[in-house]
Amino acid sequence: MPAPLDAVFAALADPTRRAILAMLLEDDMAVTDVAAPLPISLAAVSKHLAVLARAGLIAQERRGRVVWCKLEPDALREASVWMQAFGQYEGPDLDRLEALLDCGPEGA
């Protein structure tokens, strides 16, 4: 079994899985509702959901005949903490950007 962060980053590497996570940011969703806006089959969506679940990014729960998915933020939090150690996510210097846009490179 891959290390937890390896599984998280592998899951996040796919744009379809990132789109699914973005949908689940809003609310829990039934698998069929997750699949509806995606241009892939329900079987393909189920495979993507399985990858996300194995990585700990989502949880799935059966309620009657419907399987619901919900975001599990702890796995993302661990990845974020790891990335912040590299200083990757300091906010952009918007004042400098504005100055570059207003004056061009010679005014900076």
C-alpha atoms as a PDB file:
ATOM      1  CA  MET A   1       0.000   0.000   0.000  1.00  0.00           C
ATOM      2  CA  PRO A   2       1.407   3.412  -0.905  1.00  0.00           C
ATOM      3  CA  ALA A   3       2.267   5.927   1.767  1.00  0.00           C
ATOM      4  CA  PRO A   4      -0.730   8.147   2.588  1.00  0.00           C
ATOM      5  CA  LEU A   5       0.706  11.272   0.949  1.00  0.00           C
ATOM      6  CA  ASP A   6       1.633   9.287  -2.169  1.00  0.00           C
ATOM      7  CA  ALA A   7      -1.974   8.143  -2.493  1.00  0.00           C
ATOM      8  CA  VAL A   8      -3.287  11.683  -1.982  1.00  0.00           C
ATOM      9  CA  PHE A   9      -1.011  13.198  -4.618  1.00  0.00           C
ATOM     10  CA  ALA A  10      -1.695  10.352  -7.056  1.00  0.00           C
ATOM     11  CA  ALA A  11      -5.433  10.932  -6.622  1.00  0.00           C
ATOM     12  CA  LEU A  12      -5.058  14.692  -7.082  1.00  0.00           C
ATOM     13  CA  ALA A  13      -3.035  14.213 -10.274  1.00  0.00           C
ATOM     14  CA  ASP A  14      -6.168  13.477 -12.304  1.00  0.00           C
ATOM     15  CA  PRO A  15      -8.346  16.423 -13.451  1.00  0.00           C
ATOM     16  CA  THR A  16     -11.559  14.384 -13.220  1.00  0.00           C
ATOM     17  CA  ARG A  17     -10.852  13.526  -9.593  1.00  0.00           C
ATOM     18  CA  ARG A  18     -10.072  17.176  -8.841  1.00  0.00           C
ATOM     19  CA  ALA A  19     -13.413  18.134 -10.432  1.00  0.00           C
ATOM     20  CA  ILE A  20     -15.189  15.577  -8.240  1.00  0.00           C
ATOM     21  CA  LEU A  21     -13.533  17.006  -5.117  1.00  0.00           C
ATOM     22  CA  ALA A  22     -14.602  20.507  -6.158  1.00  0.00           C
ATOM     23  CA  MET A  23     -18.215  19.294  -6.457  1.00  0.00           C
ATOM     24  CA  LEU A  24     -18.039  17.695  -3.023  1.00  0.00           C
ATOM     25  CA  LEU A  25     -16.831  20.961  -1.498  1.00  0.00           C
ATOM     26  CA  GLU A  26     -20.410  22.196  -1.825  1.00  0.00           C
ATOM     27  CA  ASP A  27     -22.217  19.275  -0.176  1.00  0.00           C
ATOM     28  CA  ASP A  28     -22.475  15.498   0.084  1.00  0.00           C
ATOM     29  CA  MET A  29     -23.647  14.001  -3.203  1.00  0.00           C
ATOM     30  CA  ALA A  30     -25.089  10.754  -4.476  1.00  0.00           C
ATOM     31  CA  VAL A  31     -22.802   8.906  -6.896  1.00  0.00           C
ATOM     32  CA  THR A  32     -25.297   9.451  -9.724  1.00  0.00           C
ATOM     33  CA  ASP A  33     -25.300  13.206  -9.024  1.00  0.00           C
ATOM     34  CA  VAL A  34     -21.498  13.250  -9.088  1.00  0.00           C
ATOM     35  CA  ALA A  35     -21.551  11.456 -12.446  1.00  0.00           C
ATOM     36  CA  ALA A  36     -24.241  13.602 -14.094  1.00  0.00           C
ATOM     37  CA  PRO A  37     -22.106  16.602 -15.172  1.00  0.00           C
ATOM     38  CA  LEU A  38     -19.054  14.521 -16.111  1.00  0.00           C
ATOM     39  CA  PRO A  39     -18.491  13.402 -19.722  1.00  0.00           C
ATOM     40  CA  ILE A  40     -17.610   9.835 -18.677  1.00  0.00           C
ATOM     41  CA  SER A  41     -19.549   6.691 -17.826  1.00  0.00           C
ATOM     42  CA  LEU A  42     -20.929   5.893 -14.392  1.00  0.00           C
ATOM     43  CA  ALA A  43     -18.476   2.969 -14.221  1.00  0.00           C
ATOM     44  CA  ALA A  44     -15.556   5.335 -14.843  1.00  0.00           C
ATOM     45  CA  VAL A  45     -16.842   7.718 -12.168  1.00  0.00           C
ATOM     46  CA  SER A  46     -17.062   4.788  -9.738  1.00  0.00           C
ATOM     47  CA  LYS A  47     -13.411   3.959 -10.406  1.00  0.00           C
ATOM     48  CA  HIS A  48     -12.385   7.576  -9.777  1.00  0.00           C
ATOM     49  CA  LEU A  49     -14.401   7.578  -6.546  1.00  0.00           C
ATOM     50  CA  ALA A  50     -12.651   4.390  -5.434  1.00  0.00           C
ATOM     51  CA  VAL A  51      -9.244   6.043  -5.938  1.00  0.00           C
ATOM     52  CA  LEU A  52     -10.373   9.074  -3.936  1.00  0.00           C
ATOM     53  CA  ALA A  53     -11.726   6.834  -1.158  1.00  0.00           C
ATOM     54  CA  ARG A  54      -8.510   4.774  -0.977  1.00  0.00           C
ATOM     55  CA  ALA A  55      -6.556   8.015  -0.623  1.00  0.00           C
ATOM     56  CA  GLY A  56      -8.829   9.056   2.242  1.00  0.00           C
ATOM     57  CA  LEU A  57     -10.064  12.119   0.357  1.00  0.00           C
ATOM     58  CA  ILE A  58     -13.718  11.055   0.376  1.00  0.00           C
ATOM     59  CA  ALA A  59     -15.955   8.725   2.341  1.00  0.00           C
ATOM     60  CA  GLN A  60     -18.816   6.752   0.847  1.00  0.00           C
ATOM     61  CA  GLU A  61     -21.943   5.692   2.708  1.00  0.00           C
ATOM     62  CA  ARG A  62     -24.877   3.625   1.542  1.00  0.00           C
ATOM     63  CA  ARG A  63     -28.265   5.129   2.469  1.00  0.00           C
ATOM     64  CA  GLY A  64     -30.908   2.726   1.296  1.00  0.00           C
ATOM     65  CA  ARG A  65     -30.200   2.041  -2.369  1.00  0.00           C
ATOM     66  CA  VAL A  66     -28.119   5.184  -2.888  1.00  0.00           C
ATOM     67  CA  VAL A  67     -24.384   5.576  -2.260  1.00  0.00           C
ATOM     68  CA  TRP A  68     -23.457   9.022  -0.989  1.00  0.00           C
ATOM     69  CA  CYS A  69     -20.019  10.641  -1.137  1.00  0.00           C
ATOM     70  CA  LYS A  70     -18.620  13.265   1.190  1.00  0.00           C
ATOM     71  CA  LEU A  71     -15.342  15.126   1.325  1.00  0.00           C
ATOM     72  CA  GLU A  72     -12.851  14.100   4.029  1.00  0.00           C
ATOM     73  CA  PRO A  73     -10.654  17.192   4.500  1.00  0.00           C
ATOM     74  CA  ASP A  74      -8.016  15.648   6.784  1.00  0.00           C
ATOM     75  CA  ALA A  75      -6.072  14.030   3.924  1.00  0.00           C
ATOM     76  CA  LEU A  76      -5.933  17.361   2.098  1.00  0.00           C
ATOM     77  CA  ARG A  77      -4.856  19.091   5.292  1.00  0.00           C
ATOM     78  CA  GLU A  78      -1.887  16.728   5.677  1.00  0.00           C
ATOM     79  CA  ALA A  79      -0.835  17.347   2.071  1.00  0.00           C
ATOM     80  CA  SER A  80      -1.170  21.094   2.580  1.00  0.00           C
ATOM     81  CA  VAL A  81       1.012  21.002   5.694  1.00  0.00           C
ATOM     82  CA  TRP A  82       3.645  19.039   3.782  1.00  0.00           C
ATOM     83  CA  MET A  83       3.622  21.527   0.869  1.00  0.00           C
ATOM     84  CA  GLN A  84       3.803  24.555   3.149  1.00  0.00           C
ATOM     85  CA  ALA A  85       7.126  23.293   4.455  1.00  0.00           C
ATOM     86  CA  PHE A  86       8.549  24.224   1.050  1.00  0.00           C
ATOM     87  CA  GLY A  87       7.175  27.770   1.124  1.00  0.00           C
ATOM     88  CA  GLN A  88       5.181  27.114  -2.033  1.00  0.00           C
ATOM     89  CA  TYR A  89       2.026  28.815  -0.903  1.00  0.00           C
ATOM     90  CA  GLU A  90       2.950  32.252   0.245  1.00  0.00           C
ATOM     91  CA  GLY A  91       0.487  34.758  -1.098  1.00  0.00           C
ATOM     92  CA  PRO A  92       1.380  36.601  -4.287  1.00  0.00           C
ATOM     93  CA  ASP A  93       2.649  40.160  -3.991  1.00  0.00           C
ATOM     94  CA  LEU A  94      -0.414  41.856  -5.485  1.00  0.00           C
ATOM     95  CA  ASP A  95       1.001  45.356  -4.956  1.00  0.00           C
ATOM     96  CA  ARG A  96       4.046  44.472  -7.069  1.00  0.00           C
ATOM     97  CA  LEU A  97       1.815  42.912  -9.726  1.00  0.00           C
ATOM     98  CA  GLU A  98      -0.326  46.033  -9.839  1.00  0.00           C
ATOM     99  CA  ALA A  99       2.759  48.193 -10.189  1.00  0.00           C
ATOM    100  CA  LEU A 100       4.011  46.037 -13.058  1.00  0.00           C
ATOM    101  CA  LEU A 101       0.648  46.259 -14.803  1.00  0.00           C
ATOM    102  CA  ASP A 102       0.398  50.027 -14.313  1.00  0.00           C
ATOM    103  CA  CYS A 103       3.953  50.988 -15.212  1.00  0.00           C
ATOM    104  CA  GLY A 104       5.375  48.088 -17.165  1.00  0.00           C
ATOM    105  CA  PRO A 105       8.678  46.443 -16.235  1.00  0.00           C
ATOM    106  CA  GLU A 106      10.660  49.676 -16.436  1.00  0.00           C
ATOM    107  CA  GLY A 107       8.606  51.236 -13.618  1.00  0.00           C
ATOM    108  CA  ALA A 108       9.118  48.431 -11.163  1.00  0.00           C
END
